[in-house]
Amino acid sequence: MPSDATSAIPRFWRDPHLPFIEARSIGDGRKICYTRHSHEEFSIGAITSGRCTYVHEKTRHTVSTGTVVLMNPGEVHACNPIEDEPWSYLMLLYVDPHWLASLQGEGEQGAQPVSATHTQSPALFNGLINLYAQLIDPVGETLAKHEAAVGFFSMMQRSLGSSTALPKTANLRVERVAEYIDAHFMRSIRLGHMCAVASLSEAYLIRAFEQRYHMTPHAYLTNRRVQYAQTLLREGATIAAIAQQSGFSDQAHLQRVFKKHLAATPGQYKV
C-alpha cells in the first residue's frame, strides 16, 4: 500500500459524456471515516487491500481484500477502518438507477435491487477493477468506456440477480415526513413541523422513522442536504453558494458535514 500523504486523499472521476456513473478511490483508508449515510444512486466498491468494518442497514460485517460491497439506492451504510489497520479501495461507483434499470429492461419501473450486500466473487472483483482502470484511462475512448460499463453491470445482474427480500413495511405517516424533508430540506425544519405533518408524537415519530429509514429524521435531513450539495458541486457551483442553497448554516458547516459523509472535502469532490 502507498505510504505517502497523497495516498490518503480521495480521487474522484467523472466524465460529462458518461453522466450515469461516477468513481472514487483511496490508497490509504486508515484515517477515512464515514458517518452512516445513503445515496440516491446504486453503489458498488471493491476492497483492494486490508480489511475494514462494513455497516449495512442494521448489519455489521468485517470485509477484506477481494470483497465487493453493494448498496441499493437509499440503503444506509458506512465503511470504516478497524483501529489503525491499513485498508484501501480502488473504486466506489455511483450508478444512476434509471440507467441501471434500462439494462434490466425495467424502464420507468426503476432498477430492481440486488440481494447481496457483499460478495467475494472473483469475477465481480476483477471485473470492477478492470472497469475502473478503463474508466479513468485519460486516453480511452468514451464509446469503449460506455461499452465496458454496460458489460460489467449486465454481468453483475446476471451473477447476483434481484432481491427477493420483502419490501420495507410501509408507514404512510412516517413516509409523509420523509417527503416533507425532501421538499423542504433547504430551509430550517423543526421537530414540531414534522410531528404536525405526520400527526405523531415526538418520541413515536423518531422511533418509527429510524425503524423505517435506519436514520433519525435529523440524519435523513442532513444526508439529503449532502446529496444536493454533491449535485451542485458536479454542476460547478461555488462552495460558498452551495452552503447557502443546500440548507447549511455556513461554508464551514458544509465542509464539516460533507467530510463526515463522503470522507472528502467539497473541494476534493469537485475536482
C-alpha atoms as a PDB file:
ATOM      1  CA  MET A   1       0.000   0.000   0.000  1.00  0.00           C
ATOM      2  CA  PRO A   2       1.292   3.508  -0.745  1.00  0.00           C
ATOM      3  CA  SER A   3       2.554   5.303   2.353  1.00  0.00           C
ATOM      4  CA  ASP A   4       2.864   8.864   1.111  1.00  0.00           C
ATOM      5  CA  ALA A   5       0.402  11.517   2.256  1.00  0.00           C
ATOM      6  CA  THR A   6      -1.312  11.708  -1.128  1.00  0.00           C
ATOM      7  CA  SER A   7      -2.474   8.087  -0.828  1.00  0.00           C
ATOM      8  CA  ALA A   8      -4.931   9.222   1.871  1.00  0.00           C
ATOM      9  CA  ILE A   9      -6.519  11.806  -0.431  1.00  0.00           C
ATOM     10  CA  PRO A  10      -9.649  10.537  -2.219  1.00  0.00           C
ATOM     11  CA  ARG A  11      -9.571  10.589  -6.003  1.00  0.00           C
ATOM     12  CA  PHE A  12     -12.787  11.211  -7.923  1.00  0.00           C
ATOM     13  CA  TRP A  13     -13.531  10.550 -11.579  1.00  0.00           C
ATOM     14  CA  ARG A  14     -16.422  11.870 -13.675  1.00  0.00           C
ATOM     15  CA  ASP A  15     -16.987  12.307 -17.403  1.00  0.00           C
ATOM     16  CA  PRO A  16     -19.720  14.602 -18.762  1.00  0.00           C
ATOM     17  CA  HIS A  17     -20.176  12.169 -21.649  1.00  0.00           C
ATOM     18  CA  LEU A  18     -20.978   9.363 -19.183  1.00  0.00           C
ATOM     19  CA  PRO A  19     -23.158  11.182 -16.645  1.00  0.00           C
ATOM     20  CA  PHE A  20     -24.691   7.979 -15.269  1.00  0.00           C
ATOM     21  CA  ILE A  21     -21.552   6.796 -13.497  1.00  0.00           C
ATOM     22  CA  GLU A  22     -19.007   8.212 -11.047  1.00  0.00           C
ATOM     23  CA  ALA A  23     -15.958   6.654  -9.413  1.00  0.00           C
ATOM     24  CA  ARG A  24     -13.637   7.267  -6.484  1.00  0.00           C
ATOM     25  CA  SER A  25     -10.583   5.587  -4.990  1.00  0.00           C
ATOM     26  CA  ILE A  26      -8.303   5.866  -1.981  1.00  0.00           C
ATOM     27  CA  GLY A  27      -4.959   4.226  -1.324  1.00  0.00           C
ATOM     28  CA  ASP A  28      -4.740   4.557   2.463  1.00  0.00           C
ATOM     29  CA  GLY A  29      -8.028   4.384   4.339  1.00  0.00           C
ATOM     30  CA  ARG A  30      -6.711   4.333   7.908  1.00  0.00           C
ATOM     31  CA  LYS A  31      -7.976   7.863   8.590  1.00  0.00           C
ATOM     32  CA  ILE A  32     -11.047   7.622   6.362  1.00  0.00           C
ATOM     33  CA  CYS A  33     -14.220   7.545   8.451  1.00  0.00           C
ATOM     34  CA  TYR A  34     -17.787   7.774   7.191  1.00  0.00           C
ATOM     35  CA  THR A  35     -20.897   8.502   9.141  1.00  0.00           C
ATOM     36  CA  ARG A  36     -23.907   6.345   8.293  1.00  0.00           C
ATOM     37  CA  HIS A  37     -25.362   7.683   5.053  1.00  0.00           C
ATOM     38  CA  SER A  38     -27.136   6.705   1.860  1.00  0.00           C
ATOM     39  CA  HIS A  39     -27.037   7.582  -1.836  1.00  0.00           C
ATOM     40  CA  GLU A  40     -29.736   8.121  -4.407  1.00  0.00           C
ATOM     41  CA  GLU A  41     -27.598   6.031  -6.748  1.00  0.00           C
ATOM     42  CA  PHE A  42     -26.635   2.350  -6.768  1.00  0.00           C
ATOM     43  CA  SER A  43     -23.180   1.936  -5.207  1.00  0.00           C
ATOM     44  CA  ILE A  44     -20.563  -0.765  -5.580  1.00  0.00           C
ATOM     45  CA  GLY A  45     -16.993  -0.906  -4.327  1.00  0.00           C
ATOM     46  CA  ALA A  46     -14.015  -3.249  -4.113  1.00  0.00           C
ATOM     47  CA  ILE A  47     -11.739  -3.663  -1.092  1.00  0.00           C
ATOM     48  CA  THR A  48      -8.268  -3.945  -2.630  1.00  0.00           C
ATOM     49  CA  SER A  49      -6.122  -4.383   0.483  1.00  0.00           C
ATOM     50  CA  GLY A  50      -6.504  -4.886   4.214  1.00  0.00           C
ATOM     51  CA  ARG A  51      -9.859  -5.080   5.932  1.00  0.00           C
ATOM     52  CA  CYS A  52     -12.480  -2.700   7.288  1.00  0.00           C
ATOM     53  CA  THR A  53     -15.831  -2.610   9.025  1.00  0.00           C
ATOM     54  CA  TYR A  54     -18.813  -2.506   6.674  1.00  0.00           C
ATOM     55  CA  VAL A  55     -22.117  -1.331   8.145  1.00  0.00           C
ATOM     56  CA  HIS A  56     -25.179  -2.010   6.002  1.00  0.00           C
ATOM     57  CA  GLU A  57     -28.573  -1.004   7.387  1.00  0.00           C
ATOM     58  CA  LYS A  58     -28.751  -2.872  10.726  1.00  0.00           C
ATOM     59  CA  THR A  59     -25.919  -5.337   9.981  1.00  0.00           C
ATOM     60  CA  ARG A  60     -22.178  -5.070  10.575  1.00  0.00           C
ATOM     61  CA  HIS A  61     -19.503  -7.082   8.743  1.00  0.00           C
ATOM     62  CA  THR A  62     -15.720  -7.273   8.597  1.00  0.00           C
ATOM     63  CA  VAL A  63     -14.753  -7.268   4.915  1.00  0.00           C
ATOM     64  CA  SER A  64     -11.296  -7.768   3.461  1.00  0.00           C
ATOM     65  CA  THR A  65      -9.243  -7.862   0.280  1.00  0.00           C
ATOM     66  CA  GLY A  66     -11.214  -9.263  -2.646  1.00  0.00           C
ATOM     67  CA  THR A  67     -14.623  -8.314  -1.263  1.00  0.00           C
ATOM     68  CA  VAL A  68     -17.133  -6.400  -3.369  1.00  0.00           C
ATOM     69  CA  VAL A  69     -19.691  -4.391  -1.384  1.00  0.00           C
ATOM     70  CA  LEU A  70     -23.049  -3.389  -2.854  1.00  0.00           C
ATOM     71  CA  MET A  71     -25.640  -0.835  -1.779  1.00  0.00           C
ATOM     72  CA  ASN A  72     -29.017  -0.322  -3.422  1.00  0.00           C
ATOM     73  CA  PRO A  73     -30.299   3.259  -3.625  1.00  0.00           C
ATOM     74  CA  GLY A  74     -31.404   4.519  -0.230  1.00  0.00           C
ATOM     75  CA  GLU A  75     -29.694   1.788   1.809  1.00  0.00           C
ATOM     76  CA  VAL A  76     -27.831   3.193   4.810  1.00  0.00           C
ATOM     77  CA  HIS A  77     -24.179   2.152   5.001  1.00  0.00           C
ATOM     78  CA  ALA A  78     -20.634   3.064   6.029  1.00  0.00           C
ATOM     79  CA  CYS A  79     -17.133   1.583   5.641  1.00  0.00           C
ATOM     80  CA  ASN A  80     -14.573   2.462   8.311  1.00  0.00           C
ATOM     81  CA  PRO A  81     -11.093   1.351   9.418  1.00  0.00           C
ATOM     82  CA  ILE A  82     -10.513  -1.205  12.157  1.00  0.00           C
ATOM     83  CA  GLU A  83      -8.347   0.606  14.737  1.00  0.00           C
ATOM     84  CA  ASP A  84      -5.267   1.668  12.717  1.00  0.00           C
ATOM     85  CA  GLU A  85      -5.211  -1.244  10.288  1.00  0.00           C
ATOM     86  CA  PRO A  86      -4.392  -0.262   6.709  1.00  0.00           C
ATOM     87  CA  TRP A  87      -7.043  -0.812   4.055  1.00  0.00           C
ATOM     88  CA  SER A  88      -7.835   0.605   0.651  1.00  0.00           C
ATOM     89  CA  TYR A  89     -10.397   0.516  -2.093  1.00  0.00           C
ATOM     90  CA  LEU A  90      -9.699   1.301  -5.701  1.00  0.00           C
ATOM     91  CA  MET A  91     -13.216   2.284  -6.575  1.00  0.00           C
ATOM     92  CA  LEU A  92     -16.668   3.048  -5.409  1.00  0.00           C
ATOM     93  CA  LEU A  93     -19.025   3.619  -8.283  1.00  0.00           C
ATOM     94  CA  TYR A  94     -22.221   5.643  -8.065  1.00  0.00           C
ATOM     95  CA  VAL A  95     -24.532   4.430 -10.790  1.00  0.00           C
ATOM     96  CA  ASP A  96     -27.718   6.159 -11.883  1.00  0.00           C
ATOM     97  CA  PRO A  97     -30.625   3.798 -11.085  1.00  0.00           C
ATOM     98  CA  HIS A  98     -32.543   4.811 -14.224  1.00  0.00           C
ATOM     99  CA  TRP A  99     -29.577   3.839 -16.395  1.00  0.00           C
ATOM    100  CA  LEU A 100     -29.259   0.570 -14.474  1.00  0.00           C
ATOM    101  CA  ALA A 101     -32.964  -0.070 -14.995  1.00  0.00           C
ATOM    102  CA  SER A 102     -32.501   0.352 -18.742  1.00  0.00           C
ATOM    103  CA  LEU A 103     -30.007  -2.540 -18.699  1.00  0.00           C
ATOM    104  CA  GLN A 104     -32.564  -4.664 -16.867  1.00  0.00           C
ATOM    105  CA  GLY A 105     -35.298  -3.691 -19.279  1.00  0.00           C
ATOM    106  CA  GLU A 106     -37.292  -2.210 -16.415  1.00  0.00           C
ATOM    107  CA  GLY A 107     -37.695   1.243 -17.968  1.00  0.00           C
ATOM    108  CA  GLU A 108     -39.707   3.652 -15.851  1.00  0.00           C
ATOM    109  CA  GLN A 109     -40.353   0.983 -13.219  1.00  0.00           C
ATOM    110  CA  GLY A 110     -36.843   1.520 -11.855  1.00  0.00           C
ATOM    111  CA  ALA A 111     -33.936  -0.809 -11.263  1.00  0.00           C
ATOM    112  CA  GLN A 112     -34.610  -3.970  -9.301  1.00  0.00           C
ATOM    113  CA  PRO A 113     -32.468  -4.104  -6.121  1.00  0.00           C
ATOM    114  CA  VAL A 114     -29.709  -6.677  -5.795  1.00  0.00           C
ATOM    115  CA  SER A 115     -29.996  -9.132  -2.934  1.00  0.00           C
ATOM    116  CA  ALA A 116     -26.314  -9.331  -1.907  1.00  0.00           C
ATOM    117  CA  THR A 117     -24.796  -6.775   0.455  1.00  0.00           C
ATOM    118  CA  HIS A 118     -21.278  -8.080  -0.254  1.00  0.00           C
ATOM    119  CA  THR A 119     -19.601 -10.918  -2.135  1.00  0.00           C
ATOM    120  CA  GLN A 120     -16.160 -12.372  -2.731  1.00  0.00           C
ATOM    121  CA  SER A 121     -16.903 -13.344  -6.317  1.00  0.00           C
ATOM    122  CA  PRO A 122     -13.561 -13.214  -8.214  1.00  0.00           C
ATOM    123  CA  ALA A 123     -15.418 -12.401 -11.438  1.00  0.00           C
ATOM    124  CA  LEU A 124     -17.119  -9.335  -9.933  1.00  0.00           C
ATOM    125  CA  PHE A 125     -13.994  -8.191  -8.103  1.00  0.00           C
ATOM    126  CA  ASN A 126     -11.733  -8.457 -11.151  1.00  0.00           C
ATOM    127  CA  GLY A 127     -14.419  -7.033 -13.407  1.00  0.00           C
ATOM    128  CA  LEU A 128     -14.792  -3.989 -11.170  1.00  0.00           C
ATOM    129  CA  ILE A 129     -11.013  -3.473 -11.035  1.00  0.00           C
ATOM    130  CA  ASN A 130     -10.811  -3.636 -14.827  1.00  0.00           C
ATOM    131  CA  LEU A 131     -13.792  -1.322 -15.326  1.00  0.00           C
ATOM    132  CA  TYR A 132     -12.299   1.281 -13.007  1.00  0.00           C
ATOM    133  CA  ALA A 133      -8.961   1.166 -14.839  1.00  0.00           C
ATOM    134  CA  GLN A 134     -10.715   1.642 -18.150  1.00  0.00           C
ATOM    135  CA  LEU A 135     -12.888   4.498 -16.910  1.00  0.00           C
ATOM    136  CA  ILE A 136     -10.013   6.587 -15.541  1.00  0.00           C
ATOM    137  CA  ASP A 137      -7.772   5.973 -18.583  1.00  0.00           C
ATOM    138  CA  PRO A 138      -7.171   9.547 -19.863  1.00  0.00           C
ATOM    139  CA  VAL A 139      -6.700   8.405 -23.463  1.00  0.00           C
ATOM    140  CA  GLY A 140      -9.512   5.862 -23.501  1.00  0.00           C
ATOM    141  CA  GLU A 141     -12.386   6.474 -25.904  1.00  0.00           C
ATOM    142  CA  THR A 142     -15.816   7.271 -24.489  1.00  0.00           C
ATOM    143  CA  LEU A 143     -17.519   4.565 -26.536  1.00  0.00           C
ATOM    144  CA  ALA A 144     -15.177   1.885 -25.180  1.00  0.00           C
ATOM    145  CA  LYS A 145     -15.771   3.076 -21.606  1.00  0.00           C
ATOM    146  CA  HIS A 146     -19.536   3.068 -22.140  1.00  0.00           C
ATOM    147  CA  GLU A 147     -19.450  -0.453 -23.545  1.00  0.00           C
ATOM    148  CA  ALA A 148     -17.288  -1.629 -20.635  1.00  0.00           C
ATOM    149  CA  ALA A 149     -19.775  -0.215 -18.109  1.00  0.00           C
ATOM    150  CA  VAL A 150     -22.699  -1.917 -19.864  1.00  0.00           C
ATOM    151  CA  GLY A 151     -20.783  -5.182 -19.986  1.00  0.00           C
ATOM    152  CA  PHE A 152     -19.831  -5.152 -16.314  1.00  0.00           C
ATOM    153  CA  PHE A 153     -23.224  -4.214 -14.901  1.00  0.00           C
ATOM    154  CA  SER A 154     -25.008  -6.663 -17.188  1.00  0.00           C
ATOM    155  CA  MET A 155     -22.673  -9.368 -15.875  1.00  0.00           C
ATOM    156  CA  MET A 156     -23.281  -8.215 -12.304  1.00  0.00           C
ATOM    157  CA  GLN A 157     -27.017  -8.523 -12.697  1.00  0.00           C
ATOM    158  CA  ARG A 158     -26.735 -11.984 -14.218  1.00  0.00           C
ATOM    159  CA  SER A 159     -24.451 -13.060 -11.371  1.00  0.00           C
ATOM    160  CA  LEU A 160     -26.389 -11.616  -8.446  1.00  0.00           C
ATOM    161  CA  GLY A 161     -29.955 -11.413  -9.658  1.00  0.00           C
ATOM    162  CA  SER A 162     -32.513  -9.168  -7.999  1.00  0.00           C
ATOM    163  CA  SER A 163     -33.609  -9.078  -4.406  1.00  0.00           C
ATOM    164  CA  THR A 164     -36.242 -11.498  -3.155  1.00  0.00           C
ATOM    165  CA  ALA A 165     -36.455  -9.734   0.198  1.00  0.00           C
ATOM    166  CA  LEU A 166     -39.778  -8.367   1.310  1.00  0.00           C
ATOM    167  CA  PRO A 167     -40.150  -4.599   0.851  1.00  0.00           C
ATOM    168  CA  LYS A 168     -39.793  -2.403   3.897  1.00  0.00           C
ATOM    169  CA  THR A 169     -43.008  -2.096   5.848  1.00  0.00           C
ATOM    170  CA  ALA A 170     -44.865   0.998   4.774  1.00  0.00           C
ATOM    171  CA  ASN A 171     -45.838   3.593   7.346  1.00  0.00           C
ATOM    172  CA  LEU A 172     -47.662   6.294   5.445  1.00  0.00           C
ATOM    173  CA  ARG A 173     -47.371   8.867   8.222  1.00  0.00           C
ATOM    174  CA  VAL A 174     -43.609   8.363   8.507  1.00  0.00           C
ATOM    175  CA  GLU A 175     -43.177   8.375   4.739  1.00  0.00           C
ATOM    176  CA  ARG A 176     -45.090  11.657   4.685  1.00  0.00           C
ATOM    177  CA  VAL A 177     -42.354  13.106   6.919  1.00  0.00           C
ATOM    178  CA  ALA A 178     -39.630  11.884   4.538  1.00  0.00           C
ATOM    179  CA  GLU A 179     -41.483  13.522   1.652  1.00  0.00           C
ATOM    180  CA  TYR A 180     -41.740  16.722   3.684  1.00  0.00           C
ATOM    181  CA  ILE A 181     -37.978  16.684   4.327  1.00  0.00           C
ATOM    182  CA  ASP A 182     -37.277  16.019   0.640  1.00  0.00           C
ATOM    183  CA  ALA A 183     -39.378  19.045  -0.290  1.00  0.00           C
ATOM    184  CA  HIS A 184     -38.099  21.452   2.382  1.00  0.00           C
ATOM    185  CA  PHE A 185     -34.525  20.412   3.220  1.00  0.00           C
ATOM    186  CA  MET A 186     -33.104  23.755   2.043  1.00  0.00           C
ATOM    187  CA  ARG A 187     -34.785  25.540   4.938  1.00  0.00           C
ATOM    188  CA  SER A 188     -34.788  25.068   8.699  1.00  0.00           C
ATOM    189  CA  ILE A 189     -37.039  22.188   9.767  1.00  0.00           C
ATOM    190  CA  ARG A 190     -38.162  21.724  13.366  1.00  0.00           C
ATOM    191  CA  LEU A 191     -39.311  18.519  15.000  1.00  0.00           C
ATOM    192  CA  GLY A 192     -42.662  20.159  15.631  1.00  0.00           C
ATOM    193  CA  HIS A 193     -43.114  20.714  11.888  1.00  0.00           C
ATOM    194  CA  MET A 194     -42.581  17.013  11.203  1.00  0.00           C
ATOM    195  CA  CYS A 195     -44.849  15.923  14.031  1.00  0.00           C
ATOM    196  CA  ALA A 196     -47.604  18.142  12.641  1.00  0.00           C
ATOM    197  CA  VAL A 197     -47.176  16.672   9.154  1.00  0.00           C
ATOM    198  CA  ALA A 198     -47.418  13.116  10.488  1.00  0.00           C
ATOM    199  CA  SER A 199     -49.840  13.731  13.383  1.00  0.00           C
ATOM    200  CA  LEU A 200     -47.446  11.780  15.609  1.00  0.00           C
ATOM    201  CA  SER A 201     -45.791  12.443  18.944  1.00  0.00           C
ATOM    202  CA  GLU A 202     -42.112  13.345  19.034  1.00  0.00           C
ATOM    203  CA  ALA A 203     -40.988  10.071  20.603  1.00  0.00           C
ATOM    204  CA  TYR A 204     -43.066   7.878  18.304  1.00  0.00           C
ATOM    205  CA  LEU A 205     -42.007   9.777  15.178  1.00  0.00           C
ATOM    206  CA  ILE A 206     -38.284   9.457  15.911  1.00  0.00           C
ATOM    207  CA  ARG A 207     -38.600   5.765  16.764  1.00  0.00           C
ATOM    208  CA  ALA A 208     -40.779   4.898  13.760  1.00  0.00           C
ATOM    209  CA  PHE A 209     -38.722   6.988  11.343  1.00  0.00           C
ATOM    210  CA  GLU A 210     -35.483   5.286  12.369  1.00  0.00           C
ATOM    211  CA  GLN A 211     -37.112   1.890  12.070  1.00  0.00           C
ATOM    212  CA  ARG A 212     -38.225   2.686   8.500  1.00  0.00           C
ATOM    213  CA  TYR A 213     -35.174   4.577   7.185  1.00  0.00           C
ATOM    214  CA  HIS A 214     -32.375   3.425   9.541  1.00  0.00           C
ATOM    215  CA  MET A 215     -31.704   7.116  10.262  1.00  0.00           C
ATOM    216  CA  THR A 216     -33.206   9.652  12.607  1.00  0.00           C
ATOM    217  CA  PRO A 217     -35.142  12.494  10.935  1.00  0.00           C
ATOM    218  CA  HIS A 218     -32.169  14.823  11.526  1.00  0.00           C
ATOM    219  CA  ALA A 219     -29.705  12.354   9.960  1.00  0.00           C
ATOM    220  CA  TYR A 220     -32.058  11.913   6.990  1.00  0.00           C
ATOM    221  CA  LEU A 221     -32.297  15.697   6.582  1.00  0.00           C
ATOM    222  CA  THR A 222     -28.516  16.107   6.722  1.00  0.00           C
ATOM    223  CA  ASN A 223     -27.990  13.278   4.250  1.00  0.00           C
ATOM    224  CA  ARG A 224     -30.468  14.881   1.848  1.00  0.00           C
ATOM    225  CA  ARG A 225     -28.578  18.178   2.065  1.00  0.00           C
ATOM    226  CA  VAL A 226     -25.270  16.444   1.319  1.00  0.00           C
ATOM    227  CA  GLN A 227     -26.812  14.718  -1.700  1.00  0.00           C
ATOM    228  CA  TYR A 228     -27.970  18.081  -3.031  1.00  0.00           C
ATOM    229  CA  ALA A 229     -24.552  19.608  -2.353  1.00  0.00           C
ATOM    230  CA  GLN A 230     -22.989  16.822  -4.433  1.00  0.00           C
ATOM    231  CA  THR A 231     -25.314  17.671  -7.309  1.00  0.00           C
ATOM    232  CA  LEU A 232     -24.412  21.364  -7.148  1.00  0.00           C
ATOM    233  CA  LEU A 233     -20.687  20.562  -6.974  1.00  0.00           C
ATOM    234  CA  ARG A 234     -20.961  18.432 -10.105  1.00  0.00           C
ATOM    235  CA  GLU A 235     -22.685  21.366 -11.805  1.00  0.00           C
ATOM    236  CA  GLY A 236     -19.790  23.671 -10.919  1.00  0.00           C
ATOM    237  CA  ALA A 237     -21.346  25.868  -8.231  1.00  0.00           C
ATOM    238  CA  THR A 238     -19.053  27.534  -5.722  1.00  0.00           C
ATOM    239  CA  ILE A 239     -18.781  26.031  -2.255  1.00  0.00           C
ATOM    240  CA  ALA A 240     -19.975  29.250  -0.617  1.00  0.00           C
ATOM    241  CA  ALA A 241     -23.082  29.340  -2.825  1.00  0.00           C
ATOM    242  CA  ILE A 242     -23.771  25.668  -2.174  1.00  0.00           C
ATOM    243  CA  ALA A 243     -23.714  26.196   1.584  1.00  0.00           C
ATOM    244  CA  GLN A 244     -26.480  28.782   1.214  1.00  0.00           C
ATOM    245  CA  GLN A 245     -28.514  26.797  -1.303  1.00  0.00           C
ATOM    246  CA  SER A 246     -28.428  23.409   0.407  1.00  0.00           C
ATOM    247  CA  GLY A 247     -29.527  24.374   3.907  1.00  0.00           C
ATOM    248  CA  PHE A 248     -26.212  24.580   5.787  1.00  0.00           C
ATOM    249  CA  SER A 249     -25.632  27.433   8.193  1.00  0.00           C
ATOM    250  CA  ASP A 250     -22.371  28.461   6.526  1.00  0.00           C
ATOM    251  CA  GLN A 251     -19.449  27.182   4.467  1.00  0.00           C
ATOM    252  CA  ALA A 252     -17.645  25.736   7.497  1.00  0.00           C
ATOM    253  CA  HIS A 253     -20.757  23.753   8.426  1.00  0.00           C
ATOM    254  CA  LEU A 254     -20.951  22.341   4.890  1.00  0.00           C
ATOM    255  CA  GLN A 255     -17.263  21.394   4.992  1.00  0.00           C
ATOM    256  CA  ARG A 256     -17.617  19.503   8.295  1.00  0.00           C
ATOM    257  CA  VAL A 257     -20.754  17.587   7.379  1.00  0.00           C
ATOM    258  CA  PHE A 258     -19.666  16.806   3.815  1.00  0.00           C
ATOM    259  CA  LYS A 259     -16.415  15.266   5.036  1.00  0.00           C
ATOM    260  CA  LYS A 260     -18.251  13.104   7.568  1.00  0.00           C
ATOM    261  CA  HIS A 261     -20.490  11.707   4.837  1.00  0.00           C
ATOM    262  CA  LEU A 262     -18.019  11.306   1.973  1.00  0.00           C
ATOM    263  CA  ALA A 263     -14.633  11.248   3.722  1.00  0.00           C
ATOM    264  CA  ALA A 264     -13.642  14.057   1.371  1.00  0.00           C
ATOM    265  CA  THR A 265     -13.924  17.824   1.351  1.00  0.00           C
ATOM    266  CA  PRO A 266     -16.239  19.591  -1.115  1.00  0.00           C
ATOM    267  CA  GLY A 267     -13.124  20.872  -2.898  1.00  0.00           C
ATOM    268  CA  GLN A 268     -11.746  17.347  -3.337  1.00  0.00           C
ATOM    269  CA  TYR A 269     -15.093  16.107  -4.605  1.00  0.00           C
ATOM    270  CA  LYS A 270     -15.469  18.983  -7.059  1.00  0.00           C
ATOM    271  CA  VAL A 271     -12.193  18.293  -8.921  1.00  0.00           C
END
